[in-house]
Amino acid sequence: MLVTMPEMGEDINGAKLTSWMKKVGDSVQYDEDLLEVTSDKAVFCIPAPCNGIITKILVCENETAPIDAVLCEIEEDK
């Protein structure tokens, strides 16, 4: 499953990824915080959309990503 940068408001086009709470190979549970992003207006935690294992991180800390950009990939539990 792909984890993407969510929409955060009308005037926000993207956000800076401030920190990963997990790394490649870590298991995650549904709704567990994966990463923290900062926009011009607020700080958001992005939760895991499923149970599984992080297989790839595509945006590094301190990088800015636009809305809908793929941030990481999770291999879902079967």
N, C-alpha and C. Protein backbone atom coordinates (compact mmCIF):
# COMPACT_ATOMS: atom_id res chain seq x y z
N MET A 1 0.85 -1.18 0.00
CA MET A 1 0.00 0.00 0.00
C MET A 1 0.89 1.24 0.00
N LEU A 2 0.50 2.22 -0.78
CA LEU A 2 1.24 3.46 -0.85
C LEU A 2 0.69 4.45 0.18
N VAL A 3 1.59 5.12 0.88
CA VAL A 3 1.20 6.17 1.82
C VAL A 3 1.52 7.49 1.15
N THR A 4 0.52 8.35 1.00
CA THR A 4 0.70 9.61 0.29
C THR A 4 0.50 10.81 1.21
N MET A 5 1.02 11.95 0.76
CA MET A 5 0.83 13.20 1.49
C MET A 5 -0.65 13.59 1.39
N PRO A 6 -1.33 13.69 2.52
CA PRO A 6 -2.76 14.02 2.47
C PRO A 6 -3.00 15.51 2.22
N GLU A 7 -4.22 15.83 1.81
CA GLU A 7 -4.62 17.23 1.71
C GLU A 7 -4.77 17.76 3.13
N MET A 8 -4.30 18.98 3.35
CA MET A 8 -4.31 19.55 4.70
C MET A 8 -5.02 20.89 4.78
N GLY A 9 -5.66 21.30 3.72
CA GLY A 9 -6.36 22.57 3.71
C GLY A 9 -6.32 23.19 2.33
N GLU A 10 -7.19 24.15 2.11
CA GLU A 10 -7.33 24.77 0.80
C GLU A 10 -6.05 25.39 0.26
N ASP A 11 -5.35 26.12 1.09
CA ASP A 11 -4.20 26.90 0.62
C ASP A 11 -2.86 26.17 0.78
N ILE A 12 -2.89 24.91 1.17
CA ILE A 12 -1.65 24.17 1.41
C ILE A 12 -1.38 23.25 0.23
N ASN A 13 -0.21 23.43 -0.41
CA ASN A 13 0.16 22.64 -1.59
C ASN A 13 1.11 21.50 -1.26
N GLY A 14 1.68 21.50 -0.07
CA GLY A 14 2.63 20.48 0.33
C GLY A 14 3.10 20.74 1.74
N ALA A 15 4.00 19.90 2.21
CA ALA A 15 4.51 20.06 3.57
C ALA A 15 5.90 19.47 3.67
N LYS A 16 6.64 19.92 4.68
CA LYS A 16 7.99 19.43 4.94
C LYS A 16 7.91 18.24 5.87
N LEU A 17 8.58 17.16 5.50
CA LEU A 17 8.62 15.97 6.35
C LEU A 17 9.65 16.24 7.45
N THR A 18 9.18 16.35 8.68
CA THR A 18 10.09 16.70 9.77
C THR A 18 10.72 15.50 10.45
N SER A 19 9.98 14.39 10.57
CA SER A 19 10.60 13.20 11.17
C SER A 19 9.82 11.93 10.87
N TRP A 20 10.56 10.86 10.66
CA TRP A 20 9.99 9.52 10.55
C TRP A 20 9.98 8.90 11.93
N MET A 21 8.89 8.27 12.31
CA MET A 21 8.80 7.56 13.58
C MET A 21 9.10 6.08 13.39
N LYS A 22 9.17 5.65 12.15
CA LYS A 22 9.47 4.27 11.78
C LYS A 22 10.54 4.27 10.69
N LYS A 23 11.15 3.10 10.46
CA LYS A 23 12.14 2.98 9.39
C LYS A 23 11.83 1.74 8.56
N VAL A 24 12.53 1.59 7.44
CA VAL A 24 12.33 0.43 6.57
C VAL A 24 12.56 -0.84 7.39
N GLY A 25 11.63 -1.78 7.24
CA GLY A 25 11.71 -3.05 7.96
C GLY A 25 10.88 -3.08 9.23
N ASP A 26 10.46 -1.91 9.71
CA ASP A 26 9.63 -1.85 10.92
C ASP A 26 8.20 -2.28 10.61
N SER A 27 7.59 -2.97 11.56
CA SER A 27 6.17 -3.29 11.42
C SER A 27 5.35 -2.12 11.94
N VAL A 28 4.18 -1.95 11.36
CA VAL A 28 3.27 -0.87 11.76
C VAL A 28 1.87 -1.43 11.94
N GLN A 29 1.10 -0.78 12.76
CA GLN A 29 -0.29 -1.14 12.98
C GLN A 29 -1.18 -0.04 12.43
N TYR A 30 -2.37 -0.42 12.00
CA TYR A 30 -3.33 0.55 11.49
C TYR A 30 -3.49 1.72 12.46
N ASP A 31 -3.41 2.92 11.95
CA ASP A 31 -3.63 4.18 12.67
C ASP A 31 -2.46 4.58 13.59
N GLU A 32 -1.37 3.81 13.56
CA GLU A 32 -0.16 4.17 14.31
C GLU A 32 0.56 5.30 13.57
N ASP A 33 1.09 6.28 14.30
CA ASP A 33 1.79 7.39 13.66
C ASP A 33 3.05 6.91 12.96
N LEU A 34 3.19 7.29 11.67
CA LEU A 34 4.35 6.92 10.86
C LEU A 34 5.37 8.05 10.77
N LEU A 35 4.86 9.27 10.56
CA LEU A 35 5.75 10.40 10.33
C LEU A 35 5.06 11.69 10.71
N GLU A 36 5.88 12.72 10.85
CA GLU A 36 5.37 14.05 11.19
C GLU A 36 5.74 15.00 10.06
N VAL A 37 4.77 15.82 9.64
CA VAL A 37 5.01 16.83 8.62
C VAL A 37 4.60 18.19 9.15
N THR A 38 5.23 19.22 8.59
CA THR A 38 4.96 20.59 8.99
C THR A 38 4.61 21.42 7.76
N SER A 39 3.47 22.10 7.84
CA SER A 39 3.09 23.03 6.78
C SER A 39 3.29 24.44 7.31
N ASP A 40 2.90 25.42 6.51
CA ASP A 40 3.00 26.81 6.95
C ASP A 40 2.09 27.08 8.14
N LYS A 41 1.07 26.25 8.31
CA LYS A 41 0.03 26.54 9.30
C LYS A 41 0.00 25.59 10.50
N ALA A 42 0.54 24.38 10.39
CA ALA A 42 0.40 23.42 11.49
C ALA A 42 1.37 22.24 11.34
N VAL A 43 1.41 21.42 12.39
CA VAL A 43 2.19 20.19 12.41
C VAL A 43 1.18 19.03 12.41
N PHE A 44 1.40 18.04 11.56
CA PHE A 44 0.50 16.90 11.44
C PHE A 44 1.26 15.60 11.60
N CYS A 45 0.64 14.61 12.21
CA CYS A 45 1.16 13.25 12.21
C CYS A 45 0.34 12.47 11.19
N ILE A 46 1.03 11.69 10.37
CA ILE A 46 0.35 10.87 9.36
C ILE A 46 0.35 9.43 9.85
N PRO A 47 -0.83 8.83 10.00
CA PRO A 47 -0.93 7.46 10.52
C PRO A 47 -0.81 6.41 9.43
N ALA A 48 -0.53 5.19 9.84
CA ALA A 48 -0.48 4.05 8.93
C ALA A 48 -1.89 3.72 8.46
N PRO A 49 -2.07 3.49 7.16
CA PRO A 49 -3.40 3.16 6.64
C PRO A 49 -3.75 1.67 6.75
N CYS A 50 -2.77 0.86 7.24
CA CYS A 50 -2.99 -0.58 7.33
C CYS A 50 -1.94 -1.19 8.26
N ASN A 51 -2.12 -2.47 8.59
CA ASN A 51 -1.10 -3.23 9.30
C ASN A 51 -0.11 -3.75 8.27
N GLY A 52 1.18 -3.77 8.62
CA GLY A 52 2.16 -4.30 7.69
C GLY A 52 3.58 -3.93 8.05
N ILE A 53 4.46 -3.97 7.04
CA ILE A 53 5.88 -3.68 7.23
C ILE A 53 6.28 -2.62 6.21
N ILE A 54 7.01 -1.61 6.66
CA ILE A 54 7.49 -0.57 5.75
C ILE A 54 8.58 -1.18 4.86
N THR A 55 8.37 -1.13 3.56
CA THR A 55 9.34 -1.71 2.63
C THR A 55 10.18 -0.66 1.91
N LYS A 56 9.68 0.58 1.84
CA LYS A 56 10.42 1.62 1.13
C LYS A 56 10.00 2.99 1.66
N ILE A 57 10.98 3.86 1.88
CA ILE A 57 10.73 5.26 2.23
C ILE A 57 11.21 6.10 1.05
N LEU A 58 10.32 6.93 0.51
CA LEU A 58 10.62 7.68 -0.70
C LEU A 58 10.90 9.16 -0.47
N VAL A 59 10.53 9.68 0.69
CA VAL A 59 10.80 11.09 1.01
C VAL A 59 11.57 11.11 2.33
N CYS A 60 12.70 11.77 2.32
CA CYS A 60 13.57 11.83 3.50
C CYS A 60 13.18 12.99 4.41
N GLU A 61 13.65 12.92 5.65
CA GLU A 61 13.44 14.01 6.59
C GLU A 61 14.00 15.30 6.02
N ASN A 62 13.34 16.40 6.30
CA ASN A 62 13.69 17.75 5.85
C ASN A 62 13.41 18.00 4.38
N GLU A 63 12.80 17.06 3.67
CA GLU A 63 12.39 17.29 2.29
C GLU A 63 10.93 17.74 2.27
N THR A 64 10.59 18.54 1.28
CA THR A 64 9.21 18.98 1.11
C THR A 64 8.56 18.14 0.02
N ALA A 65 7.33 17.70 0.29
CA ALA A 65 6.60 16.88 -0.67
C ALA A 65 5.25 17.53 -0.97
N PRO A 66 4.83 17.49 -2.24
CA PRO A 66 3.52 18.04 -2.59
C PRO A 66 2.39 17.12 -2.15
N ILE A 67 1.18 17.65 -2.13
CA ILE A 67 0.00 16.85 -1.84
C ILE A 67 -0.06 15.68 -2.83
N ASP A 68 -0.42 14.51 -2.33
CA ASP A 68 -0.55 13.25 -3.10
C ASP A 68 0.78 12.59 -3.46
N ALA A 69 1.92 13.17 -3.07
CA ALA A 69 3.21 12.51 -3.32
C ALA A 69 3.29 11.23 -2.49
N VAL A 70 3.90 10.20 -3.05
CA VAL A 70 4.08 8.94 -2.31
C VAL A 70 5.22 9.13 -1.32
N LEU A 71 4.94 8.87 -0.04
CA LEU A 71 5.93 9.04 1.03
C LEU A 71 6.63 7.73 1.36
N CYS A 72 5.87 6.63 1.39
CA CYS A 72 6.47 5.32 1.67
C CYS A 72 5.54 4.23 1.15
N GLU A 73 6.07 3.01 1.19
CA GLU A 73 5.30 1.83 0.80
C GLU A 73 5.24 0.88 1.99
N ILE A 74 4.06 0.29 2.19
CA ILE A 74 3.86 -0.69 3.25
C ILE A 74 3.37 -1.98 2.63
N GLU A 75 4.04 -3.09 2.96
CA GLU A 75 3.56 -4.40 2.55
C GLU A 75 2.53 -4.83 3.57
N GLU A 76 1.28 -4.95 3.15
CA GLU A 76 0.20 -5.25 4.06
C GLU A 76 0.29 -6.67 4.60
N ASP A 77 -0.11 -6.84 5.89
CA ASP A 77 -0.23 -8.17 6.47
C ASP A 77 -1.32 -8.93 5.73
N LYS A 78 -1.12 -10.23 5.59
CA LYS A 78 -2.13 -11.06 4.90
C LYS A 78 -2.91 -11.89 5.86
